[in-house]
């Protein structure tokens, strides 16, 4: 009886397959749907208490004031 070969594939083919697997980029996810202009998005943001107190001192609208400060910091 003859024994089957220990290796089932050619070493060159195995090396090429491993290289291809390591260098092939995964498929990119589908792009997000375009957002509605001017729509706001809910996020969770950790802010120091003193900073939050500063923006809340003037009453309602503190979230808009934080947004305006962040927009200015971003250069927009």
C-alpha atoms as a PDB file:
ATOM      1  CA  UNK A   1       0.000   0.000   0.000  1.00  0.00           C
ATOM      2  CA  UNK A   2       1.198   3.396  -0.810  1.00  0.00           C
ATOM      3  CA  UNK A   3       0.797   6.257   1.599  1.00  0.00           C
ATOM      4  CA  UNK A   4      -0.678   9.554   0.412  1.00  0.00           C
ATOM      5  CA  UNK A   5       1.794  12.422   0.368  1.00  0.00           C
ATOM      6  CA  UNK A   6       2.106  14.415   3.629  1.00  0.00           C
ATOM      7  CA  UNK A   7       1.546  17.706   1.846  1.00  0.00           C
ATOM      8  CA  UNK A   8      -1.571  17.980  -0.198  1.00  0.00           C
ATOM      9  CA  UNK A   9      -0.571  21.210  -1.991  1.00  0.00           C
ATOM     10  CA  UNK A  10       2.454  22.562  -3.708  1.00  0.00           C
ATOM     11  CA  UNK A  11       4.474  24.778  -1.285  1.00  0.00           C
ATOM     12  CA  UNK A  12       4.604  27.565  -3.864  1.00  0.00           C
ATOM     13  CA  UNK A  13       0.819  27.575  -4.214  1.00  0.00           C
ATOM     14  CA  UNK A  14       0.421  27.538  -0.436  1.00  0.00           C
ATOM     15  CA  UNK A  15       2.797  30.512  -0.091  1.00  0.00           C
ATOM     16  CA  UNK A  16       1.003  32.441  -2.821  1.00  0.00           C
ATOM     17  CA  UNK A  17      -2.379  31.756  -1.200  1.00  0.00           C
ATOM     18  CA  UNK A  18      -1.091  32.922   2.197  1.00  0.00           C
ATOM     19  CA  UNK A  19       0.415  36.070   0.646  1.00  0.00           C
ATOM     20  CA  UNK A  20      -2.799  36.852  -1.195  1.00  0.00           C
ATOM     21  CA  UNK A  21      -4.848  36.359   1.975  1.00  0.00           C
ATOM     22  CA  UNK A  22      -2.518  38.646   3.973  1.00  0.00           C
ATOM     23  CA  UNK A  23      -2.350  41.422   1.373  1.00  0.00           C
ATOM     24  CA  UNK A  24      -5.899  41.498   0.034  1.00  0.00           C
ATOM     25  CA  UNK A  25      -7.979  44.320   1.470  1.00  0.00           C
ATOM     26  CA  UNK A  26     -11.346  43.355   2.877  1.00  0.00           C
ATOM     27  CA  UNK A  27     -14.390  44.622   1.040  1.00  0.00           C
ATOM     28  CA  UNK A  28     -15.265  48.142   2.124  1.00  0.00           C
ATOM     29  CA  UNK A  29     -18.596  48.562   3.872  1.00  0.00           C
ATOM     30  CA  UNK A  30     -21.350  50.295   1.977  1.00  0.00           C
ATOM     31  CA  UNK A  31     -21.265  54.076   2.428  1.00  0.00           C
ATOM     32  CA  UNK A  32     -23.723  55.603   4.866  1.00  0.00           C
ATOM     33  CA  UNK A  33     -26.793  57.233   3.445  1.00  0.00           C
ATOM     34  CA  UNK A  34     -26.313  60.988   3.077  1.00  0.00           C
ATOM     35  CA  UNK A  35     -27.513  62.880   6.105  1.00  0.00           C
ATOM     36  CA  UNK A  36     -30.191  65.514   5.994  1.00  0.00           C
ATOM     37  CA  UNK A  37     -28.622  68.999   5.912  1.00  0.00           C
ATOM     38  CA  UNK A  38     -29.007  70.788   9.230  1.00  0.00           C
ATOM     39  CA  UNK A  39     -30.192  67.648  11.046  1.00  0.00           C
ATOM     40  CA  UNK A  40     -28.802  67.124  14.522  1.00  0.00           C
ATOM     41  CA  UNK A  41     -27.474  63.801  15.729  1.00  0.00           C
ATOM     42  CA  UNK A  42     -27.744  62.452  19.253  1.00  0.00           C
ATOM     43  CA  UNK A  43     -24.364  61.652  20.813  1.00  0.00           C
ATOM     44  CA  UNK A  44     -23.046  60.904  24.267  1.00  0.00           C
ATOM     45  CA  UNK A  45     -20.284  63.257  25.336  1.00  0.00           C
ATOM     46  CA  UNK A  46     -18.394  63.404  28.617  1.00  0.00           C
ATOM     47  CA  UNK A  47     -17.789  67.014  29.675  1.00  0.00           C
ATOM     48  CA  UNK A  48     -16.188  68.327  32.853  1.00  0.00           C
ATOM     49  CA  UNK A  49     -18.761  69.596  35.344  1.00  0.00           C
ATOM     50  CA  UNK A  50     -17.363  73.143  35.405  1.00  0.00           C
ATOM     51  CA  UNK A  51     -17.597  73.400  31.615  1.00  0.00           C
ATOM     52  CA  UNK A  52     -21.181  72.123  31.644  1.00  0.00           C
ATOM     53  CA  UNK A  53     -22.083  74.569  34.432  1.00  0.00           C
ATOM     54  CA  UNK A  54     -20.636  77.426  32.374  1.00  0.00           C
ATOM     55  CA  UNK A  55     -22.873  76.651  29.390  1.00  0.00           C
ATOM     56  CA  UNK A  56     -25.962  75.965  31.540  1.00  0.00           C
ATOM     57  CA  UNK A  57     -25.657  79.251  33.510  1.00  0.00           C
ATOM     58  CA  UNK A  58     -27.613  81.182  30.870  1.00  0.00           C
ATOM     59  CA  UNK A  59     -30.509  78.699  30.928  1.00  0.00           C
ATOM     60  CA  UNK A  60     -32.168  76.925  28.015  1.00  0.00           C
ATOM     61  CA  UNK A  61     -30.203  76.701  24.795  1.00  0.00           C
ATOM     62  CA  UNK A  62     -27.034  75.460  26.462  1.00  0.00           C
ATOM     63  CA  UNK A  63     -26.697  72.605  23.959  1.00  0.00           C
ATOM     64  CA  UNK A  64     -26.841  75.081  21.073  1.00  0.00           C
ATOM     65  CA  UNK A  65     -24.165  77.190  22.795  1.00  0.00           C
ATOM     66  CA  UNK A  66     -21.905  74.139  23.186  1.00  0.00           C
ATOM     67  CA  UNK A  67     -22.506  73.309  19.518  1.00  0.00           C
ATOM     68  CA  UNK A  68     -21.585  76.863  18.490  1.00  0.00           C
ATOM     69  CA  UNK A  69     -18.393  76.745  20.598  1.00  0.00           C
ATOM     70  CA  UNK A  70     -17.401  73.405  19.068  1.00  0.00           C
ATOM     71  CA  UNK A  71     -18.152  74.695  15.564  1.00  0.00           C
ATOM     72  CA  UNK A  72     -15.916  77.724  16.202  1.00  0.00           C
ATOM     73  CA  UNK A  73     -13.146  75.496  17.602  1.00  0.00           C
ATOM     74  CA  UNK A  74     -13.402  73.350  14.458  1.00  0.00           C
ATOM     75  CA  UNK A  75     -12.960  76.465  12.304  1.00  0.00           C
ATOM     76  CA  UNK A  76     -16.393  76.350  10.697  1.00  0.00           C
END
